[in-house]
Amino acid sequence: MQFFKNLLADESGATAIEYGLIAALIAVACITTLTAVGAELNNTFTTVKDKLVTANTPGA
C-alpha cells in the first residue's frame, strides 16, 4: 500500500508532461500562423500573375 501512496505523491514526471504540452501548443500556433500566411502569399502571387498576364496580352 505504501508503494501506491509513494507513486501518487511522485511528481517527477509532471515536468516532462508540462514541457510536452507547451511544445504541442507552440506547434499548433506555428501551424495555424503558417497556414494563414501561406494562403495570403498564394493570393498575392495569383494577383501578380494575373496582372502580368494582362499586361503582356497584345491589344490590352
N, C-alpha and C. Protein backbone atom coordinates (compact mmCIF):
# COMPACT_ATOMS: atom_id res chain seq x y z
N MET A 1 0.83 -1.19 0.00
CA MET A 1 0.00 0.00 0.00
C MET A 1 0.87 1.26 0.00
N GLN A 2 1.99 1.20 0.68
CA GLN A 2 2.90 2.34 0.72
C GLN A 2 3.44 2.66 -0.68
N PHE A 3 3.63 1.60 -1.48
CA PHE A 3 4.14 1.80 -2.83
C PHE A 3 3.19 2.69 -3.64
N PHE A 4 1.90 2.45 -3.54
CA PHE A 4 0.93 3.23 -4.30
C PHE A 4 0.84 4.67 -3.79
N LYS A 5 0.97 4.85 -2.49
CA LYS A 5 0.98 6.21 -1.94
C LYS A 5 2.19 6.98 -2.44
N ASN A 6 3.34 6.32 -2.47
CA ASN A 6 4.55 6.97 -2.99
C ASN A 6 4.41 7.26 -4.49
N LEU A 7 3.79 6.35 -5.22
CA LEU A 7 3.61 6.53 -6.65
C LEU A 7 2.71 7.73 -6.95
N LEU A 8 1.64 7.88 -6.19
CA LEU A 8 0.73 9.01 -6.38
C LEU A 8 1.36 10.33 -5.95
N ALA A 9 2.24 10.29 -4.98
CA ALA A 9 2.88 11.52 -4.49
C ALA A 9 4.05 11.94 -5.37
N ASP A 10 4.57 11.02 -6.18
CA ASP A 10 5.73 11.32 -7.02
C ASP A 10 5.32 12.25 -8.16
N GLU A 11 5.99 13.39 -8.27
CA GLU A 11 5.67 14.37 -9.31
C GLU A 11 6.84 14.56 -10.28
N SER A 12 7.75 13.63 -10.34
CA SER A 12 8.93 13.81 -11.19
C SER A 12 8.59 13.80 -12.67
N GLY A 13 7.55 13.11 -13.07
CA GLY A 13 7.16 13.08 -14.49
C GLY A 13 6.29 14.25 -14.90
N ALA A 14 5.81 15.03 -13.93
CA ALA A 14 4.91 16.15 -14.25
C ALA A 14 5.60 17.21 -15.08
N THR A 15 6.86 17.47 -14.83
CA THR A 15 7.58 18.49 -15.58
C THR A 15 7.70 18.10 -17.05
N ALA A 16 8.01 16.85 -17.31
CA ALA A 16 8.13 16.38 -18.69
C ALA A 16 6.79 16.51 -19.42
N ILE A 17 5.72 16.20 -18.75
CA ILE A 17 4.39 16.33 -19.35
C ILE A 17 4.08 17.79 -19.63
N GLU A 18 4.42 18.66 -18.72
CA GLU A 18 4.18 20.09 -18.92
C GLU A 18 4.97 20.62 -20.12
N TYR A 19 6.24 20.22 -20.23
CA TYR A 19 7.04 20.63 -21.37
C TYR A 19 6.46 20.09 -22.68
N GLY A 20 5.96 18.89 -22.64
CA GLY A 20 5.32 18.30 -23.82
C GLY A 20 4.08 19.07 -24.24
N LEU A 21 3.28 19.48 -23.27
CA LEU A 21 2.08 20.25 -23.57
C LEU A 21 2.44 21.63 -24.14
N ILE A 22 3.46 22.26 -23.59
CA ILE A 22 3.90 23.56 -24.09
C ILE A 22 4.41 23.42 -25.53
N ALA A 23 5.19 22.38 -25.80
CA ALA A 23 5.69 22.16 -27.15
C ALA A 23 4.55 21.91 -28.13
N ALA A 24 3.55 21.17 -27.72
CA ALA A 24 2.39 20.92 -28.57
C ALA A 24 1.63 22.21 -28.86
N LEU A 25 1.48 23.05 -27.85
CA LEU A 25 0.79 24.33 -28.04
C LEU A 25 1.55 25.22 -29.00
N ILE A 26 2.86 25.27 -28.87
CA ILE A 26 3.68 26.07 -29.78
C ILE A 26 3.57 25.52 -31.21
N ALA A 27 3.57 24.22 -31.37
CA ALA A 27 3.45 23.62 -32.69
C ALA A 27 2.11 23.97 -33.34
N VAL A 28 1.04 23.92 -32.58
CA VAL A 28 -0.28 24.27 -33.11
C VAL A 28 -0.32 25.74 -33.52
N ALA A 29 0.27 26.61 -32.71
CA ALA A 29 0.30 28.04 -33.05
C ALA A 29 1.11 28.28 -34.32
N CYS A 30 2.23 27.60 -34.48
CA CYS A 30 3.06 27.74 -35.69
C CYS A 30 2.32 27.26 -36.92
N ILE A 31 1.68 26.13 -36.83
CA ILE A 31 0.94 25.58 -37.97
C ILE A 31 -0.19 26.51 -38.37
N THR A 32 -0.91 27.04 -37.40
CA THR A 32 -2.01 27.95 -37.69
C THR A 32 -1.51 29.22 -38.36
N THR A 33 -0.44 29.78 -37.84
CA THR A 33 0.12 31.01 -38.41
C THR A 33 0.65 30.78 -39.81
N LEU A 34 1.40 29.71 -40.02
CA LEU A 34 1.96 29.44 -41.34
C LEU A 34 0.88 29.14 -42.37
N THR A 35 -0.20 28.52 -41.95
CA THR A 35 -1.31 28.26 -42.87
C THR A 35 -1.94 29.57 -43.32
N ALA A 36 -2.16 30.49 -42.40
CA ALA A 36 -2.76 31.78 -42.76
C ALA A 36 -1.82 32.59 -43.65
N VAL A 37 -0.54 32.60 -43.33
CA VAL A 37 0.43 33.35 -44.13
C VAL A 37 0.55 32.71 -45.52
N GLY A 38 0.52 31.40 -45.59
CA GLY A 38 0.60 30.71 -46.87
C GLY A 38 -0.56 31.04 -47.77
N ALA A 39 -1.75 31.12 -47.22
CA ALA A 39 -2.93 31.49 -48.02
C ALA A 39 -2.81 32.91 -48.54
N GLU A 40 -2.33 33.83 -47.72
CA GLU A 40 -2.15 35.21 -48.16
C GLU A 40 -1.08 35.31 -49.25
N LEU A 41 0.01 34.57 -49.10
CA LEU A 41 1.05 34.56 -50.14
C LEU A 41 0.51 34.01 -51.45
N ASN A 42 -0.29 32.98 -51.38
CA ASN A 42 -0.89 32.42 -52.58
C ASN A 42 -1.76 33.46 -53.27
N ASN A 43 -2.56 34.18 -52.52
CA ASN A 43 -3.40 35.23 -53.10
C ASN A 43 -2.56 36.32 -53.74
N THR A 44 -1.50 36.72 -53.09
CA THR A 44 -0.62 37.77 -53.61
C THR A 44 0.01 37.35 -54.93
N PHE A 45 0.58 36.16 -54.97
CA PHE A 45 1.23 35.69 -56.19
C PHE A 45 0.22 35.48 -57.32
N THR A 46 -0.99 35.06 -56.99
CA THR A 46 -2.02 34.91 -58.02
C THR A 46 -2.38 36.27 -58.60
N THR A 47 -2.51 37.28 -57.78
CA THR A 47 -2.81 38.63 -58.25
C THR A 47 -1.69 39.16 -59.15
N VAL A 48 -0.45 38.96 -58.75
CA VAL A 48 0.69 39.41 -59.55
C VAL A 48 0.69 38.69 -60.90
N LYS A 49 0.46 37.38 -60.88
CA LYS A 49 0.43 36.60 -62.12
C LYS A 49 -0.66 37.11 -63.05
N ASP A 50 -1.85 37.35 -62.52
CA ASP A 50 -2.95 37.83 -63.35
C ASP A 50 -2.63 39.18 -63.97
N LYS A 51 -2.02 40.07 -63.21
CA LYS A 51 -1.68 41.39 -63.73
C LYS A 51 -0.58 41.30 -64.79
N LEU A 52 0.37 40.39 -64.61
CA LEU A 52 1.41 40.20 -65.62
C LEU A 52 0.83 39.64 -66.92
N VAL A 53 -0.08 38.70 -66.81
CA VAL A 53 -0.72 38.15 -67.99
C VAL A 53 -1.49 39.23 -68.72
N THR A 54 -2.23 40.06 -67.99
CA THR A 54 -2.99 41.15 -68.58
C THR A 54 -2.06 42.16 -69.24
N ALA A 55 -0.97 42.49 -68.61
CA ALA A 55 -0.03 43.48 -69.14
C ALA A 55 0.68 42.97 -70.40
N ASN A 56 0.85 41.66 -70.51
CA ASN A 56 1.56 41.10 -71.66
C ASN A 56 0.63 40.62 -72.77
N THR A 57 -0.66 40.83 -72.62
CA THR A 57 -1.61 40.44 -73.65
C THR A 57 -1.63 41.52 -74.73
N PRO A 58 -1.39 41.14 -75.99
CA PRO A 58 -1.41 42.12 -77.07
C PRO A 58 -2.80 42.74 -77.24
N GLY A 59 -2.85 44.04 -77.43
CA GLY A 59 -4.11 44.74 -77.63
C GLY A 59 -4.83 45.10 -76.36
N ALA A 60 -4.20 44.91 -75.23
CA ALA A 60 -4.89 45.21 -73.97
C ALA A 60 -4.64 46.65 -73.56
